[in-house]
Protein backbone atom coordinates (compact mmCIF):
# COMPACT_ATOMS: atom_id res chain seq x y z
CA MET A 1 141.41 89.77 80.47
CA THR A 2 142.67 92.99 82.45
CA VAL A 3 141.55 93.95 85.87
CA ASP A 4 141.98 97.75 86.90
CA PHE A 5 142.80 98.16 90.73
CA SER A 6 142.98 101.49 92.49
CA THR A 7 146.55 102.06 93.88
CA ARG A 8 145.67 105.03 96.19
CA ALA A 9 146.79 104.70 99.96
CA THR A 10 144.23 102.48 101.68
CA PRO A 11 144.41 101.04 105.16
CA GLU A 12 146.62 97.77 105.63
CA ILE A 13 145.00 94.37 105.75
CA GLY A 14 144.63 93.23 109.25
CA SER A 15 144.61 96.73 110.76
CA PRO A 16 141.80 97.77 113.43
CA ASP A 17 140.22 100.02 110.71
CA THR A 18 139.73 96.83 108.47
CA ALA A 19 138.77 94.14 111.03
CA VAL A 20 135.88 92.04 110.28
CA PRO A 21 133.93 89.82 112.43
CA ALA A 22 133.76 85.94 112.39
CA PRO A 23 131.86 84.20 109.52
CA ASP A 24 129.90 82.08 112.26
CA ARG A 25 129.08 85.41 113.91
CA VAL A 26 127.73 87.16 110.78
CA LEU A 27 125.54 84.22 109.73
CA ASP A 28 123.89 84.17 113.38
CA ASP A 29 123.24 88.07 113.22
CA ASP A 30 121.73 87.63 109.79
CA ARG A 31 119.30 85.28 111.25
CA ARG A 32 118.30 87.43 114.00
CA ARG A 33 118.12 90.58 111.98
CA PRO A 34 115.74 91.62 109.26
CA ASN A 35 116.45 91.57 105.55
CA VAL A 36 117.82 94.96 104.69
CA SER A 37 118.30 96.01 100.91
CA GLY A 38 122.15 96.78 100.21
CA ASP A 39 121.50 99.67 97.88
CA LEU A 40 122.19 102.87 99.62
CA PRO A 41 119.78 104.93 97.47
CA THR A 42 116.87 103.17 98.77
CA LEU A 43 117.61 104.50 102.34
CA PHE A 44 117.04 108.02 101.06
CA GLU A 45 113.89 107.60 98.92
CA ALA A 46 111.48 108.74 101.80
CA GLY A 47 112.73 112.45 102.32
CA PRO A 48 113.32 113.31 105.72
CA GLN A 49 110.77 115.21 107.86
CA PHE A 50 111.41 117.77 110.42
CA ARG A 51 108.99 119.24 112.91
CA ARG A 52 107.64 122.93 112.17
CA ALA A 53 107.89 125.66 114.53
CA VAL A 54 106.34 128.95 114.42
CA THR A 55 109.64 130.16 112.92
CA GLY A 56 110.05 127.19 110.47
CA TYR A 57 112.23 124.33 110.60
CA ASP A 58 114.78 123.72 113.56
CA ARG A 59 118.11 124.59 111.97
CA PHE A 60 119.89 122.38 114.52
CA GLN A 61 117.95 119.12 113.35
CA VAL A 62 118.49 120.17 109.70
CA ASP A 63 122.29 120.46 110.29
CA THR A 64 122.32 117.08 112.27
CA TYR A 65 120.53 115.41 109.46
CA VAL A 66 123.21 116.56 106.69
CA ARG A 67 126.01 115.57 109.23
CA TRP A 68 124.51 112.14 109.73
CA ALA A 69 124.08 111.69 105.72
CA GLU A 70 127.72 112.75 105.25
CA ASP A 71 128.90 110.15 107.78
CA GLU A 72 126.86 107.42 106.26
CA LEU A 73 128.60 108.35 102.97
CA VAL A 74 131.96 108.36 104.51
CA ALA A 75 131.34 104.96 106.00
CA ALA A 76 130.13 103.42 102.56
CA ASP A 77 133.28 105.01 100.88
CA ARG A 78 135.46 103.20 103.72
CA GLU A 79 133.65 99.93 102.93
CA ARG A 80 134.70 100.25 99.31
CA GLN A 81 138.25 101.01 100.16
CA HIS A 82 138.24 97.94 102.32
CA LEU A 83 137.04 95.91 99.53
CA GLU A 84 139.65 97.19 97.03
CA VAL A 85 142.15 96.25 99.42
CA ARG A 86 140.96 92.71 99.71
CA LEU A 87 140.60 92.29 95.96
CA LEU A 88 144.02 93.72 95.55
CA GLY A 89 145.20 90.97 97.87
CA VAL A 90 143.45 88.21 96.20
CA HIS A 91 144.89 89.55 92.85
CA THR A 92 148.57 89.44 93.96
CA GLU A 93 147.87 85.78 95.24
CA LEU A 94 146.39 84.92 91.92
CA GLN A 95 149.45 86.12 90.04
CA GLU A 96 151.78 84.09 92.31
CA THR A 97 149.55 81.19 91.60
CA ARG A 98 150.07 81.61 87.92
CA ARG A 99 153.67 81.79 88.29
CA LEU A 100 153.87 78.64 90.32
CA LEU A 101 151.40 76.86 87.70
CA GLY A 102 153.67 77.83 84.67
CA HIS A 103 156.38 75.44 85.57
CA SER A 104 153.88 72.47 85.77
CA SER A 105 152.74 70.22 83.08
CA GLY A 106 149.24 70.35 84.43
CA GLY A 107 149.19 74.26 84.98
CA GLY A 108 147.34 74.65 81.56
CA GLN A 109 144.06 73.30 83.32
CA PHE A 110 144.35 75.56 86.25
CA LEU A 111 144.99 78.66 84.20
CA ASP A 112 141.31 78.68 83.18
CA VAL A 113 140.47 78.75 86.90
CA ALA A 114 142.77 81.60 87.05
CA ASP A 115 140.93 83.26 84.33
CA ARG A 116 137.52 82.88 86.06
CA ILE A 117 138.79 84.08 89.38
CA GLY A 118 140.07 87.22 87.57
CA SER A 119 136.56 87.74 86.19
CA MET A 120 135.20 87.44 89.48
CA LEU A 121 137.86 90.01 90.83
CA ALA A 122 136.87 92.49 88.12
CA THR A 123 133.03 92.22 88.69
CA ALA A 124 133.81 92.92 92.33
CA ALA A 125 135.84 95.83 91.49
CA ASP A 126 133.04 97.26 89.03
CA GLU A 127 130.55 96.94 92.18
CA ALA A 128 132.89 98.75 94.33
CA GLU A 129 133.20 101.69 91.60
CA GLY A 130 129.03 101.50 91.52
CA MET A 131 128.95 101.81 95.27
CA ARG A 132 131.40 104.91 95.16
CA ALA A 133 129.12 106.50 92.44
CA GLU A 134 125.82 105.87 94.51
CA ALA A 135 127.45 107.53 97.59
CA ALA A 136 128.19 110.60 95.58
CA ALA A 137 124.78 110.73 94.37
CA CYS A 138 123.37 110.37 97.76
CA ARG A 139 125.62 113.00 99.11
CA ALA A 140 124.42 115.38 96.28
CA ALA A 141 120.80 114.60 97.12
CA ALA A 142 121.23 115.14 100.80
CA THR A 143 123.10 118.52 100.42
CA ALA A 144 120.24 119.77 97.82
CA GLU A 145 117.49 118.84 100.29
CA ALA A 146 119.37 120.63 103.23
CA GLU A 147 119.45 123.80 101.23
CA GLN A 148 115.93 123.44 100.43
CA LEU A 149 114.97 123.13 104.03
CA ARG A 150 116.93 126.25 104.92
CA ALA A 151 115.24 128.14 102.18
CA CYS A 152 111.83 127.12 103.47
CA ALA A 153 112.71 127.89 106.91
CA ALA A 154 113.61 131.41 106.08
CA ARG A 155 110.54 132.00 104.15
CA THR A 156 108.44 130.74 106.83
CA THR A 157 110.03 132.89 109.45
CA ALA A 158 109.31 136.26 107.37
CA GLU A 159 105.87 135.24 106.87
CA ALA A 160 105.08 134.47 110.63
CA GLU A 161 106.88 137.87 111.70
CA GLY A 162 104.54 139.65 109.07
CA ARG A 163 101.42 138.13 110.47
CA SER A 164 102.56 138.84 114.09
CA ARG A 165 103.23 142.57 113.25
CA GLU A 166 99.83 143.02 111.43
CA THR A 167 97.90 141.48 114.41
CA VAL A 168 99.72 143.71 117.01
CA GLU A 169 99.14 147.05 115.03
CA ALA A 170 95.22 146.20 114.31
CA ALA A 171 94.89 145.57 117.99
CA ALA A 172 96.68 148.77 119.05
CA ALA A 173 94.68 150.80 116.58
CA GLU A 174 91.37 149.15 117.73
CA ALA A 175 92.51 149.82 121.33
CA ALA A 176 93.19 153.61 120.56
CA ARG A 177 89.80 154.03 118.79
CA LEU A 178 87.90 152.58 121.93
CA VAL A 179 89.63 154.68 124.44
CA ALA A 180 89.19 157.88 122.21
CA GLY A 181 85.43 157.17 121.87
CA ALA A 182 84.99 156.67 125.71
CA ARG A 183 86.74 159.92 126.56
CA ALA A 184 84.54 161.89 123.99
CA ALA A 185 81.64 160.31 125.68
CA VAL A 186 82.61 161.60 129.19
CA GLU A 187 83.55 164.91 128.04
CA GLU A 188 80.11 165.45 126.11
CA ALA A 189 78.40 164.26 129.50
CA GLU A 190 80.41 166.84 131.48
CA GLN A 191 79.81 169.60 129.16
CA ALA A 192 75.90 168.65 129.31
CA GLY A 193 76.02 169.01 133.11
CA SER A 194 77.73 172.33 133.07
CA ARG A 195 75.31 173.74 130.66
CA LEU A 196 72.35 172.73 132.93
CA ARG A 197 74.10 174.12 136.14
CA ALA A 198 74.66 177.64 134.54
CA ALA A 199 70.92 177.75 133.39
CA ALA A 200 69.79 176.97 136.76
CA GLU A 201 71.80 179.66 138.37
CA VAL A 202 70.63 182.11 135.76
CA GLU A 203 67.09 181.39 136.40
CA LEU A 204 67.63 181.49 140.24
CA ALA A 205 69.08 184.86 139.68
CA ALA A 206 66.21 186.17 138.00
CA ALA A 207 63.90 184.80 140.56
CA ARG A 208 65.66 186.54 143.41
CA THR A 209 65.65 189.74 141.34
CA ALA A 210 61.90 189.59 140.87
CA ALA A 211 61.48 188.90 144.53
CA ARG A 212 63.30 191.82 145.66
CA ALA A 213 61.44 194.12 143.09
CA THR A 214 58.18 192.76 144.52
CA GLY A 215 59.30 193.59 148.04
CA GLU A 216 60.27 197.16 147.13
CA ARG A 217 56.72 197.91 145.47
CA ALA A 218 55.19 196.07 148.72
CA ARG A 219 57.12 198.60 151.05
CA ALA A 220 56.13 201.58 149.02
CA ASP A 221 52.38 200.65 149.54
CA ALA A 222 50.38 201.42 152.65
CA GLU A 223 51.30 199.95 156.18
CA GLY A 224 47.99 198.35 156.01
CA ILE A 225 48.92 196.11 153.16
CA ARG A 226 52.66 195.54 154.38
CA ARG A 227 51.82 192.02 155.89
CA ARG A 228 49.93 191.05 152.62
CA ALA A 229 52.87 192.07 150.61
CA ALA A 230 55.09 190.13 152.91
CA ASP A 231 53.24 187.22 152.69
CA GLU A 232 52.90 187.42 148.93
CA ALA A 233 56.77 187.75 148.59
CA LEU A 234 57.33 184.88 150.97
CA ALA A 235 55.18 182.94 148.93
CA ALA A 236 56.93 183.95 145.71
CA ARG A 237 60.25 183.16 147.52
CA LEU A 238 59.09 179.59 148.23
CA GLN A 239 57.77 179.00 145.00
CA ALA A 240 60.95 180.14 143.20
CA ARG A 241 62.85 177.85 145.54
CA GLN A 242 60.85 175.01 144.42
CA GLU A 243 61.25 175.83 140.79
CA VAL A 244 64.93 176.01 141.28
CA LEU A 245 65.16 172.94 143.25
CA GLY A 246 63.09 171.03 140.54
CA MET A 247 65.45 172.52 137.96
CA LEU A 248 68.51 171.26 140.00
CA GLY A 249 66.79 167.81 140.44
CA VAL A 250 66.40 167.57 136.58
CA ALA A 251 69.91 168.54 135.83
CA ALA A 252 71.02 165.96 138.44
CA GLU A 253 68.82 163.21 136.82
CA GLN A 254 70.23 164.19 133.29
CA ARG A 255 73.81 164.05 134.71
CA ARG A 256 73.07 160.66 136.37
CA ARG A 257 71.71 159.34 133.22
CA ALA A 258 74.82 160.55 131.24
CA ASP A 259 77.13 158.93 133.68
CA GLU A 260 75.20 155.81 133.49
CA GLU A 261 75.40 155.81 129.65
CA ALA A 262 78.98 156.60 129.70
CA THR A 263 79.66 153.68 132.27
CA ALA A 264 77.80 151.19 130.23
CA LEU A 265 79.68 152.29 126.81
CA ARG A 266 82.88 151.75 128.76
CA GLN A 267 81.86 148.33 130.10
CA ARG A 268 80.92 147.20 126.66
CA ARG A 269 84.06 148.39 125.41
CA GLU A 270 86.04 146.47 128.00
CA ASP A 271 83.83 143.34 127.67
CA ASP A 272 84.66 143.58 123.76
CA ALA A 273 88.54 143.92 124.51
CA ALA A 274 88.34 140.90 126.95
CA ALA A 275 86.62 138.86 124.21
CA ARG A 276 89.08 139.71 121.74
CA SER A 277 91.91 138.82 124.02
CA ALA A 278 90.37 135.72 125.12
CA ALA A 279 90.06 134.63 121.44
CA VAL A 280 94.05 135.49 120.94
CA ARG A 281 94.78 133.35 123.86
CA ALA A 282 92.71 130.67 122.44
CA GLU A 283 94.78 130.63 119.26
CA VAL A 284 97.93 130.84 121.09
CA GLU A 285 96.89 127.64 122.80
CA VAL A 286 96.19 125.92 119.75
CA LEU A 287 99.56 127.09 118.28
CA ARG A 288 101.22 125.38 121.58
CA ALA A 289 99.30 122.11 121.08
CA ARG A 290 100.43 121.89 117.33
CA ARG A 291 103.77 122.62 118.57
CA SER A 292 103.69 119.76 120.92
CA SER A 293 102.46 117.43 118.34
CA LEU A 294 105.25 118.45 115.80
CA GLU A 295 107.71 117.70 118.59
CA SER A 296 106.19 114.14 119.01
CA GLU A 297 106.66 113.66 115.42
CA VAL A 298 110.19 114.69 115.54
CA GLU A 299 111.04 112.23 118.36
CA GLY A 300 109.50 109.47 116.10
CA LEU A 301 111.75 110.61 113.35
CA GLU A 302 114.83 110.55 115.71
CA ARG A 303 114.06 106.98 116.49
CA ARG A 304 113.43 106.26 113.07
CA ARG A 305 116.87 107.70 112.26
CA SER A 306 118.67 105.64 114.94
CA ALA A 307 117.03 102.53 113.76
CA LEU A 308 118.27 103.41 109.97
CA GLN A 309 121.81 104.14 111.44
CA SER A 310 121.57 100.78 113.12
CA ASP A 311 120.73 98.98 109.98
CA VAL A 312 123.36 100.63 107.87
CA ARG A 313 126.07 99.72 110.31
CA ASP A 314 124.82 96.08 110.38
CA LEU A 315 124.64 95.94 106.60
CA ALA A 316 128.36 97.24 106.35
CA GLN A 317 129.44 94.69 108.74
CA ALA A 318 127.58 91.89 106.89
CA ARG A 319 128.90 93.18 103.52
CA ALA A 320 132.56 93.28 104.93
CA ALA A 321 132.12 89.78 106.53
CA HIS A 322 130.87 88.09 103.57
CA ALA A 323 133.71 89.65 101.28
CA ALA A 324 136.28 88.44 103.84
CA LEU A 325 134.56 84.84 103.99
CA ARG A 326 134.71 84.78 100.31
CA ALA A 327 138.11 85.69 99.95
CA THR A 328 139.15 83.22 102.70
CA ARG A 329 137.24 80.49 100.81
CA TRP A 330 139.07 81.44 97.50
CA ARG A 331 142.64 81.35 99.20
CA GLU A 332 141.90 78.21 100.72
CA ARG A 333 141.15 76.72 97.36
CA LEU A 334 143.99 78.25 95.74
CA ARG A 335 146.11 76.88 98.44
CA SER A 336 144.60 73.46 98.17
CA TRP A 337 145.20 73.39 94.31
CA ALA A 338 148.88 74.72 95.10
CA GLY A 339 149.21 71.84 97.46
CA THR A 340 147.89 69.18 94.90
CA PRO A 341 150.49 66.56 93.70
CA ARG A 342 151.77 67.53 90.31
CA THR A 343 151.75 65.18 87.41
CA HIS A 344 154.92 65.34 85.18
């Protein structure tokens, strides 16, 4: 049976990078901690969820998640290298034991045991290779998912900017139309008042001309009828004045009504603009509330990520401790077999 071991540079056994906790400590931790599956792909079955903002996903959170996934893959690869170093040491001890047993008459029965140990070492090496393949698959999945998140964030940003630009342009056009309508109404009212004042002045001039003509005719009459002509002229003046005053009053009333209509129209336009502004503010408040809700969800996801990181670290420590415990037990058994009295 042939066992293939990796010969690339790995940390030395016993170095700080490969230190493992005591077996008793590992067993106590296993009793206190929940049972976590050892397959790394199960940690990534549920895709990451990030909060949505108006401009899309938070780029910092996406990059943070990708870095975390890469760190976990590096940790898994480091654990695989550590197991390979352990397996290489056990394989070396096994070869040394075979060499010693080859000079004993009872070595044949121990060679079968050595073959079983080699089979176990080969199985462990296969498991380490499978862990390396799983880590590579997890890294590829995390990279692809990060690229999808970046593309979705870019699309969401473009859509939000387009909707905001259309809303602002529509509001500006509506405001310009309302202002133009109000200005046209005011100008029309001023033109009507000017026409009424011009007509009143023309009629007043005509009345004065008629009064002067009547006076001239009265002065041409006899002295006996001068007083009567003067009284008639005075009466004509008073009547003309009353008529002119009445026309001016009508013109003033029409001007007042036109001003009131213009004021009412401007007030309605301002009320409409205020109502639309209030609706826009209400929509902004809804968006802010949604943003707060999404931030709360992201905080929950951050806590979940921290818990997963802790579980992964605990799992790696437990695996390393278990492997060290198994290697220690096999080493003790081999030493006990090596120290057994030999029968010649």
